[in-house]
Amino acid sequence: MSVQLPDMLLVGPIIASREELAILLIHELAKEAEGPIRIDLFSRHQRVIEYLRDRHLGEIRIPPVMLKNADELPGNRSQLVAVAAQVFG
């Protein structure tokens, strides 16, 4: 999904079985954006990151992932490319 906020387009969550599908989803959701776009990606999806860098989107910061009483996040995280916003995890 994507949501137009007053100051930017927020894209996410993006869930895809392959990075190529994630790129297609991001392209379709953001193709008519006028202004800043925010996508909170996971760093393991390098092809998606390269696609965005080629379109002049850059990293602002890389936030830490913090866990309590667990060694990893639950569920199949391999298909989770981007969250709706960091606050929503």
PDB file of N, CA and C in Angstrom:
ATOM      1  N   MET A   1       0.834  -1.173   0.000  1.00  0.00           N
ATOM      2  CA  MET A   1       0.000   0.000   0.000  1.00  0.00           C
ATOM      3  C   MET A   1       0.877   1.233   0.000  1.00  0.00           C
ATOM      4  N   SER A   2       0.293   2.343  -0.302  1.00  0.00           N
ATOM      5  CA  SER A   2       0.991   3.619  -0.155  1.00  0.00           C
ATOM      6  C   SER A   2      -0.010   4.634   0.372  1.00  0.00           C
ATOM      7  N   VAL A   3       0.492   5.551   1.164  1.00  0.00           N
ATOM      8  CA  VAL A   3      -0.349   6.569   1.774  1.00  0.00           C
ATOM      9  C   VAL A   3       0.298   7.924   1.529  1.00  0.00           C
ATOM     10  N   GLN A   4      -0.465   8.843   0.981  1.00  0.00           N
ATOM     11  CA  GLN A   4       0.044  10.195   0.786  1.00  0.00           C
ATOM     12  C   GLN A   4      -0.134  10.979   2.080  1.00  0.00           C
ATOM     13  N   LEU A   5       0.961  11.304   2.718  1.00  0.00           N
ATOM     14  CA  LEU A   5       0.961  12.134   3.914  1.00  0.00           C
ATOM     15  C   LEU A   5       1.168  13.580   3.480  1.00  0.00           C
ATOM     16  N   PRO A   6       0.966  14.527   4.362  1.00  0.00           N
ATOM     17  CA  PRO A   6       1.142  15.930   3.958  1.00  0.00           C
ATOM     18  C   PRO A   6       2.525  16.249   3.386  1.00  0.00           C
ATOM     19  N   ASP A   7       3.555  15.579   3.891  1.00  0.00           N
ATOM     20  CA  ASP A   7       4.914  15.925   3.475  1.00  0.00           C
ATOM     21  C   ASP A   7       5.636  14.855   2.656  1.00  0.00           C
ATOM     22  N   MET A   8       5.001  13.690   2.430  1.00  0.00           N
ATOM     23  CA  MET A   8       5.669  12.615   1.687  1.00  0.00           C
ATOM     24  C   MET A   8       4.684  11.514   1.343  1.00  0.00           C
ATOM     25  N   LEU A   9       5.124  10.633   0.435  1.00  0.00           N
ATOM     26  CA  LEU A   9       4.396   9.404   0.140  1.00  0.00           C
ATOM     27  C   LEU A   9       5.053   8.289   0.944  1.00  0.00           C
ATOM     28  N   LEU A  10       4.283   7.599   1.748  1.00  0.00           N
ATOM     29  CA  LEU A  10       4.782   6.475   2.541  1.00  0.00           C
ATOM     30  C   LEU A  10       4.391   5.200   1.830  1.00  0.00           C
ATOM     31  N   VAL A  11       5.391   4.380   1.455  1.00  0.00           N
ATOM     32  CA  VAL A  11       5.155   3.139   0.728  1.00  0.00           C
ATOM     33  C   VAL A  11       5.470   1.967   1.648  1.00  0.00           C
ATOM     34  N   GLY A  12       4.516   1.065   1.805  1.00  0.00           N
ATOM     35  CA  GLY A  12       4.722  -0.127   2.605  1.00  0.00           C
ATOM     36  C   GLY A  12       3.459  -0.487   3.360  1.00  0.00           C
ATOM     37  N   PRO A  13       3.302  -1.676   3.799  1.00  0.00           N
ATOM     38  CA  PRO A  13       4.305  -2.729   3.734  1.00  0.00           C
ATOM     39  C   PRO A  13       4.417  -3.320   2.333  1.00  0.00           C
ATOM     40  N   ILE A  14       5.574  -3.857   2.056  1.00  0.00           N
ATOM     41  CA  ILE A  14       5.827  -4.568   0.809  1.00  0.00           C
ATOM     42  C   ILE A  14       6.193  -5.999   1.186  1.00  0.00           C
ATOM     43  N   ILE A  15       5.377  -6.935   0.742  1.00  0.00           N
ATOM     44  CA  ILE A  15       5.615  -8.354   0.993  1.00  0.00           C
ATOM     45  C   ILE A  15       5.633  -9.043  -0.361  1.00  0.00           C
ATOM     46  N   ALA A  16       6.739  -9.707  -0.671  1.00  0.00           N
ATOM     47  CA  ALA A  16       6.880 -10.346  -1.981  1.00  0.00           C
ATOM     48  C   ALA A  16       7.776 -11.567  -1.857  1.00  0.00           C
ATOM     49  N   SER A  17       7.467 -12.581  -2.657  1.00  0.00           N
ATOM     50  CA  SER A  17       8.257 -13.817  -2.625  1.00  0.00           C
ATOM     51  C   SER A  17       9.597 -13.663  -3.331  1.00  0.00           C
ATOM     52  N   ARG A  18       9.710 -12.654  -4.218  1.00  0.00           N
ATOM     53  CA  ARG A  18      10.962 -12.404  -4.940  1.00  0.00           C
ATOM     54  C   ARG A  18      11.207 -10.897  -4.986  1.00  0.00           C
ATOM     55  N   GLU A  19      12.466 -10.529  -5.032  1.00  0.00           N
ATOM     56  CA  GLU A  19      12.807  -9.102  -5.077  1.00  0.00           C
ATOM     57  C   GLU A  19      12.275  -8.425  -6.329  1.00  0.00           C
ATOM     58  N   GLU A  20      12.201  -9.157  -7.448  1.00  0.00           N
ATOM     59  CA  GLU A  20      11.662  -8.570  -8.679  1.00  0.00           C
ATOM     60  C   GLU A  20      10.211  -8.137  -8.483  1.00  0.00           C
ATOM     61  N   LEU A  21       9.448  -8.944  -7.767  1.00  0.00           N
ATOM     62  CA  LEU A  21       8.055  -8.591  -7.477  1.00  0.00           C
ATOM     63  C   LEU A  21       7.972  -7.387  -6.553  1.00  0.00           C
ATOM     64  N   ALA A  22       8.861  -7.320  -5.593  1.00  0.00           N
ATOM     65  CA  ALA A  22       8.894  -6.174  -4.691  1.00  0.00           C
ATOM     66  C   ALA A  22       9.178  -4.894  -5.473  1.00  0.00           C
ATOM     67  N   ILE A  23      10.105  -4.967  -6.416  1.00  0.00           N
ATOM     68  CA  ILE A  23      10.439  -3.805  -7.243  1.00  0.00           C
ATOM     69  C   ILE A  23       9.230  -3.368  -8.059  1.00  0.00           C
ATOM     70  N   LEU A  24       8.514  -4.319  -8.649  1.00  0.00           N
ATOM     71  CA  LEU A  24       7.312  -3.982  -9.413  1.00  0.00           C
ATOM     72  C   LEU A  24       6.253  -3.323  -8.536  1.00  0.00           C
ATOM     73  N   LEU A  25       6.060  -3.855  -7.337  1.00  0.00           N
ATOM     74  CA  LEU A  25       5.091  -3.262  -6.417  1.00  0.00           C
ATOM     75  C   LEU A  25       5.477  -1.831  -6.053  1.00  0.00           C
ATOM     76  N   ILE A  26       6.732  -1.630  -5.703  1.00  0.00           N
ATOM     77  CA  ILE A  26       7.199  -0.294  -5.335  1.00  0.00           C
ATOM     78  C   ILE A  26       7.038   0.662  -6.510  1.00  0.00           C
ATOM     79  N   HIS A  27       7.409   0.217  -7.697  1.00  0.00           N
ATOM     80  CA  HIS A  27       7.285   1.057  -8.886  1.00  0.00           C
ATOM     81  C   HIS A  27       5.833   1.502  -9.090  1.00  0.00           C
ATOM     82  N   GLU A  28       4.913   0.565  -9.022  1.00  0.00           N
ATOM     83  CA  GLU A  28       3.508   0.895  -9.245  1.00  0.00           C
ATOM     84  C   GLU A  28       2.957   1.819  -8.162  1.00  0.00           C
ATOM     85  N   LEU A  29       3.340   1.593  -6.930  1.00  0.00           N
ATOM     86  CA  LEU A  29       2.824   2.399  -5.829  1.00  0.00           C
ATOM     87  C   LEU A  29       3.390   3.810  -5.815  1.00  0.00           C
ATOM     88  N   ALA A  30       4.592   3.983  -6.340  1.00  0.00           N
ATOM     89  CA  ALA A  30       5.264   5.281  -6.231  1.00  0.00           C
ATOM     90  C   ALA A  30       5.413   6.021  -7.550  1.00  0.00           C
ATOM     91  N   LYS A  31       4.922   5.469  -8.648  1.00  0.00           N
ATOM     92  CA  LYS A  31       5.220   6.042  -9.966  1.00  0.00           C
ATOM     93  C   LYS A  31       4.672   7.444 -10.174  1.00  0.00           C
ATOM     94  N   GLU A  32       3.623   7.830  -9.493  1.00  0.00           N
ATOM     95  CA  GLU A  32       3.056   9.160  -9.681  1.00  0.00           C
ATOM     96  C   GLU A  32       3.334  10.087  -8.505  1.00  0.00           C
ATOM     97  N   ALA A  33       4.261   9.708  -7.659  1.00  0.00           N
ATOM     98  CA  ALA A  33       4.587  10.531  -6.495  1.00  0.00           C
ATOM     99  C   ALA A  33       5.202  11.851  -6.927  1.00  0.00           C
ATOM    100  N   GLU A  34       4.774  12.896  -6.292  1.00  0.00           N
ATOM    101  CA  GLU A  34       5.353  14.223  -6.510  1.00  0.00           C
ATOM    102  C   GLU A  34       5.908  14.697  -5.175  1.00  0.00           C
ATOM    103  N   GLY A  35       7.182  14.541  -4.997  1.00  0.00           N
ATOM    104  CA  GLY A  35       7.803  14.921  -3.744  1.00  0.00           C
ATOM    105  C   GLY A  35       8.491  13.729  -3.100  1.00  0.00           C
ATOM    106  N   PRO A  36       8.845  13.881  -1.833  1.00  0.00           N
ATOM    107  CA  PRO A  36       9.591  12.831  -1.134  1.00  0.00           C
ATOM    108  C   PRO A  36       8.802  11.528  -1.011  1.00  0.00           C
ATOM    109  N   ILE A  37       9.547  10.429  -1.027  1.00  0.00           N
ATOM    110  CA  ILE A  37       8.997   9.089  -0.840  1.00  0.00           C
ATOM    111  C   ILE A  37       9.747   8.448   0.318  1.00  0.00           C
ATOM    112  N   ARG A  38       9.004   7.803   1.211  1.00  0.00           N
ATOM    113  CA  ARG A  38       9.639   7.077   2.313  1.00  0.00           C
ATOM    114  C   ARG A  38       9.294   5.605   2.189  1.00  0.00           C
ATOM    115  N   ILE A  39      10.342   4.777   2.203  1.00  0.00           N
ATOM    116  CA  ILE A  39      10.185   3.329   2.191  1.00  0.00           C
ATOM    117  C   ILE A  39      11.138   2.785   3.248  1.00  0.00           C
ATOM    118  N   ASP A  40      10.617   2.122   4.256  1.00  0.00           N
ATOM    119  CA  ASP A  40      11.442   1.549   5.318  1.00  0.00           C
ATOM    120  C   ASP A  40      11.765   0.106   4.953  1.00  0.00           C
ATOM    121  N   LEU A  41      12.947  -0.071   4.342  1.00  0.00           N
ATOM    122  CA  LEU A  41      13.384  -1.375   3.817  1.00  0.00           C
ATOM    123  C   LEU A  41      14.234  -2.128   4.821  1.00  0.00           C
ATOM    124  N   PHE A  42      14.288  -3.425   4.607  1.00  0.00           N
ATOM    125  CA  PHE A  42      15.231  -4.259   5.332  1.00  0.00           C
ATOM    126  C   PHE A  42      16.487  -4.392   4.476  1.00  0.00           C
ATOM    127  N   SER A  43      17.646  -4.300   5.078  1.00  0.00           N
ATOM    128  CA  SER A  43      18.911  -4.237   4.346  1.00  0.00           C
ATOM    129  C   SER A  43      19.246  -5.523   3.595  1.00  0.00           C
ATOM    130  N   ARG A  44      18.585  -6.612   3.875  1.00  0.00           N
ATOM    131  CA  ARG A  44      18.918  -7.870   3.196  1.00  0.00           C
ATOM    132  C   ARG A  44      18.439  -7.909   1.745  1.00  0.00           C
ATOM    133  N   HIS A  45      17.637  -6.966   1.328  1.00  0.00           N
ATOM    134  CA  HIS A  45      17.086  -6.947  -0.022  1.00  0.00           C
ATOM    135  C   HIS A  45      17.910  -5.998  -0.903  1.00  0.00           C
ATOM    136  N   GLN A  46      19.106  -6.435  -1.254  1.00  0.00           N
ATOM    137  CA  GLN A  46      20.062  -5.588  -1.960  1.00  0.00           C
ATOM    138  C   GLN A  46      19.605  -5.189  -3.356  1.00  0.00           C
ATOM    139  N   ARG A  47      18.928  -6.066  -4.088  1.00  0.00           N
ATOM    140  CA  ARG A  47      18.464  -5.702  -5.432  1.00  0.00           C
ATOM    141  C   ARG A  47      17.439  -4.575  -5.358  1.00  0.00           C
ATOM    142  N   VAL A  48      16.587  -4.605  -4.351  1.00  0.00           N
ATOM    143  CA  VAL A  48      15.592  -3.541  -4.181  1.00  0.00           C
ATOM    144  C   VAL A  48      16.294  -2.231  -3.843  1.00  0.00           C
ATOM    145  N   ILE A  49      17.269  -2.295  -2.973  1.00  0.00           N
ATOM    146  CA  ILE A  49      18.025  -1.102  -2.593  1.00  0.00           C
ATOM    147  C   ILE A  49      18.755  -0.533  -3.806  1.00  0.00           C
ATOM    148  N   GLU A  50      19.373  -1.383  -4.615  1.00  0.00           N
ATOM    149  CA  GLU A  50      20.064  -0.915  -5.825  1.00  0.00           C
ATOM    150  C   GLU A  50      19.080  -0.268  -6.802  1.00  0.00           C
ATOM    151  N   TYR A  51      17.902  -0.856  -6.965  1.00  0.00           N
ATOM    152  CA  TYR A  51      16.872  -0.285  -7.831  1.00  0.00           C
ATOM    153  C   TYR A  51      16.510   1.132  -7.366  1.00  0.00           C
ATOM    154  N   LEU A  52      16.324   1.299  -6.082  1.00  0.00           N
ATOM    155  CA  LEU A  52      15.952   2.611  -5.548  1.00  0.00           C
ATOM    156  C   LEU A  52      17.102   3.610  -5.665  1.00  0.00           C
ATOM    157  N   ARG A  53      18.311   3.167  -5.416  1.00  0.00           N
ATOM    158  CA  ARG A  53      19.468   4.060  -5.569  1.00  0.00           C
ATOM    159  C   ARG A  53      19.617   4.519  -7.014  1.00  0.00           C
ATOM    160  N   ASP A  54      19.367   3.624  -7.968  1.00  0.00           N
ATOM    161  CA  ASP A  54      19.440   3.987  -9.389  1.00  0.00           C
ATOM    162  C   ASP A  54      18.402   5.046  -9.746  1.00  0.00           C
ATOM    163  N   ARG A  55      17.367   5.169  -8.937  1.00  0.00           N
ATOM    164  CA  ARG A  55      16.331   6.182  -9.156  1.00  0.00           C
ATOM    165  C   ARG A  55      16.490   7.365  -8.208  1.00  0.00           C
ATOM    166  N   HIS A  56      17.680   7.491  -7.658  1.00  0.00           N
ATOM    167  CA  HIS A  56      18.073   8.638  -6.841  1.00  0.00           C
ATOM    168  C   HIS A  56      17.354   8.720  -5.498  1.00  0.00           C
ATOM    169  N   LEU A  57      16.946   7.578  -4.972  1.00  0.00           N
ATOM    170  CA  LEU A  57      16.473   7.527  -3.602  1.00  0.00           C
ATOM    171  C   LEU A  57      17.650   7.077  -2.762  1.00  0.00           C
ATOM    172  N   GLY A  58      17.886   7.746  -1.666  1.00  0.00           N
ATOM    173  CA  GLY A  58      19.044   7.421  -0.858  1.00  0.00           C
ATOM    174  C   GLY A  58      18.672   7.069   0.561  1.00  0.00           C
ATOM    175  N   GLU A  59      19.608   6.428   1.238  1.00  0.00           N
ATOM    176  CA  GLU A  59      19.413   6.074   2.642  1.00  0.00           C
ATOM    177  C   GLU A  59      19.587   7.313   3.500  1.00  0.00           C
ATOM    178  N   ILE A  60      18.690   7.454   4.437  1.00  0.00           N
ATOM    179  CA  ILE A  60      18.813   8.547   5.386  1.00  0.00           C
ATOM    180  C   ILE A  60      19.465   8.034   6.664  1.00  0.00           C
ATOM    181  N   ARG A  61      18.996   6.890   7.115  1.00  0.00           N
ATOM    182  CA  ARG A  61      19.585   6.284   8.312  1.00  0.00           C
ATOM    183  C   ARG A  61      19.213   4.809   8.344  1.00  0.00           C
ATOM    184  N   ILE A  62      19.979   4.068   9.085  1.00  0.00           N
ATOM    185  CA  ILE A  62      19.702   2.652   9.260  1.00  0.00           C
ATOM    186  C   ILE A  62      19.422   2.431  10.743  1.00  0.00           C
ATOM    187  N   PRO A  63      18.153   2.268  11.093  1.00  0.00           N
ATOM    188  CA  PRO A  63      17.810   2.111  12.510  1.00  0.00           C
ATOM    189  C   PRO A  63      18.103   0.694  12.992  1.00  0.00           C
ATOM    190  N   PRO A  64      18.376   0.538  14.253  1.00  0.00           N
ATOM    191  CA  PRO A  64      18.594  -0.803  14.791  1.00  0.00           C
ATOM    192  C   PRO A  64      17.265  -1.539  14.952  1.00  0.00           C
ATOM    193  N   VAL A  65      17.335  -2.851  14.890  1.00  0.00           N
ATOM    194  CA  VAL A  65      16.187  -3.691  15.227  1.00  0.00           C
ATOM    195  C   VAL A  65      16.443  -4.211  16.623  1.00  0.00           C
ATOM    196  N   MET A  66      15.516  -3.950  17.516  1.00  0.00           N
ATOM    197  CA  MET A  66      15.705  -4.351  18.906  1.00  0.00           C
ATOM    198  C   MET A  66      14.698  -5.439  19.265  1.00  0.00           C
ATOM    199  N   LEU A  67      15.165  -6.434  19.997  1.00  0.00           N
ATOM    200  CA  LEU A  67      14.319  -7.544  20.427  1.00  0.00           C
ATOM    201  C   LEU A  67      14.471  -7.740  21.922  1.00  0.00           C
ATOM    202  N   LYS A  68      13.399  -8.206  22.520  1.00  0.00           N
ATOM    203  CA  LYS A  68      13.447  -8.542  23.939  1.00  0.00           C
ATOM    204  C   LYS A  68      12.965  -9.978  24.096  1.00  0.00           C
ATOM    205  N   ASN A  69      13.736 -10.778  24.802  1.00  0.00           N
ATOM    206  CA  ASN A  69      13.397 -12.173  25.073  1.00  0.00           C
ATOM    207  C   ASN A  69      13.256 -13.014  23.802  1.00  0.00           C
ATOM    208  N   ALA A  70      14.046 -12.708  22.776  1.00  0.00           N
ATOM    209  CA  ALA A  70      14.011 -13.490  21.537  1.00  0.00           C
ATOM    210  C   ALA A  70      15.334 -13.307  20.805  1.00  0.00           C
ATOM    211  N   ASP A  71      15.683 -14.296  19.975  1.00  0.00           N
ATOM    212  CA  ASP A  71      16.888 -14.217  19.175  1.00  0.00           C
ATOM    213  C   ASP A  71      16.615 -13.699  17.773  1.00  0.00           C
ATOM    214  N   GLU A  72      15.350 -13.785  17.339  1.00  0.00           N
ATOM    215  CA  GLU A  72      14.988 -13.312  16.006  1.00  0.00           C
ATOM    216  C   GLU A  72      13.509 -12.935  15.991  1.00  0.00           C
ATOM    217  N   LEU A  73      13.119 -12.196  14.964  1.00  0.00           N
ATOM    218  CA  LEU A  73      11.727 -11.807  14.811  1.00  0.00           C
ATOM    219  C   LEU A  73      10.892 -13.024  14.416  1.00  0.00           C
ATOM    220  N   PRO A  74       9.651 -13.096  14.859  1.00  0.00           N
ATOM    221  CA  PRO A  74       8.823 -14.261  14.540  1.00  0.00           C
ATOM    222  C   PRO A  74       8.337 -14.246  13.093  1.00  0.00           C
ATOM    223  N   GLY A  75       7.919 -15.399  12.610  1.00  0.00           N
ATOM    224  CA  GLY A  75       7.323 -15.498  11.281  1.00  0.00           C
ATOM    225  C   GLY A  75       8.356 -15.587  10.178  1.00  0.00           C
ATOM    226  N   ASN A  76       7.863 -15.710   8.950  1.00  0.00           N
ATOM    227  CA  ASN A  76       8.726 -15.788   7.767  1.00  0.00           C
ATOM    228  C   ASN A  76       9.090 -14.367   7.339  1.00  0.00           C
ATOM    229  N   ARG A  77      10.218 -13.899   7.744  1.00  0.00           N
ATOM    230  CA  ARG A  77      10.651 -12.529   7.449  1.00  0.00           C
ATOM    231  C   ARG A  77      11.333 -12.404   6.096  1.00  0.00           C
ATOM    232  N   SER A  78      11.593 -13.510   5.413  1.00  0.00           N
ATOM    233  CA  SER A  78      12.297 -13.438   4.139  1.00  0.00           C
ATOM    234  C   SER A  78      11.487 -12.715   3.065  1.00  0.00           C
ATOM    235  N   GLN A  79      10.163 -12.714   3.176  1.00  0.00           N
ATOM    236  CA  GLN A  79       9.315 -12.066   2.182  1.00  0.00           C
ATOM    237  C   GLN A  79       8.933 -10.645   2.570  1.00  0.00           C
ATOM    238  N   LEU A  80       9.284 -10.220   3.758  1.00  0.00           N
ATOM    239  CA  LEU A  80       8.987  -8.859   4.205  1.00  0.00           C
ATOM    240  C   LEU A  80      10.100  -7.943   3.727  1.00  0.00           C
ATOM    241  N   VAL A  81       9.792  -7.128   2.730  1.00  0.00           N
ATOM    242  CA  VAL A  81      10.784  -6.250   2.109  1.00  0.00           C
ATOM    243  C   VAL A  81      10.791  -4.881   2.772  1.00  0.00           C
ATOM    244  N   ALA A  82       9.607  -4.362   3.084  1.00  0.00           N
ATOM    245  CA  ALA A  82       9.489  -3.043   3.699  1.00  0.00           C
ATOM    246  C   ALA A  82       8.308  -3.057   4.653  1.00  0.00           C
ATOM    247  N   VAL A  83       8.437  -2.323   5.736  1.00  0.00           N
ATOM    248  CA  VAL A  83       7.326  -2.180   6.684  1.00  0.00           C
ATOM    249  C   VAL A  83       6.532  -0.927   6.335  1.00  0.00           C
ATOM    250  N   ALA A  84       5.350  -0.793   6.914  1.00  0.00           N
ATOM    251  CA  ALA A  84       4.527   0.387   6.668  1.00  0.00           C
ATOM    252  C   ALA A  84       5.204   1.628   7.235  1.00  0.00           C
ATOM    253  N   ALA A  85       5.803   1.485   8.359  1.00  0.00           N
ATOM    254  CA  ALA A  85       6.619   2.519   9.003  1.00  0.00           C
ATOM    255  C   ALA A  85       7.319   1.833  10.163  1.00  0.00           C
ATOM    256  N   GLN A  86       8.448   2.314  10.550  1.00  0.00           N
ATOM    257  CA  GLN A  86       9.212   1.668  11.599  1.00  0.00           C
ATOM    258  C   GLN A  86       8.402   1.541  12.889  1.00  0.00           C
ATOM    259  N   VAL A  87       7.590   2.509  13.150  1.00  0.00           N
ATOM    260  CA  VAL A  87       6.797   2.486  14.379  1.00  0.00           C
ATOM    261  C   VAL A  87       5.858   1.285  14.423  1.00  0.00           C
ATOM    262  N   PHE A  88       5.440   0.774  13.249  1.00  0.00           N
ATOM    263  CA  PHE A  88       4.530  -0.357  13.210  1.00  0.00           C
ATOM    264  C   PHE A  88       5.249  -1.687  13.151  1.00  0.00           C
ATOM    265  N   GLY A  89       6.584  -1.684  12.978  1.00  0.00           N
ATOM    266  CA  GLY A  89       7.378  -2.904  12.929  1.00  0.00           C
ATOM    267  C   GLY A  89       7.027  -3.732  11.755  1.00  0.00           C
TER     268      GLY A  89
END
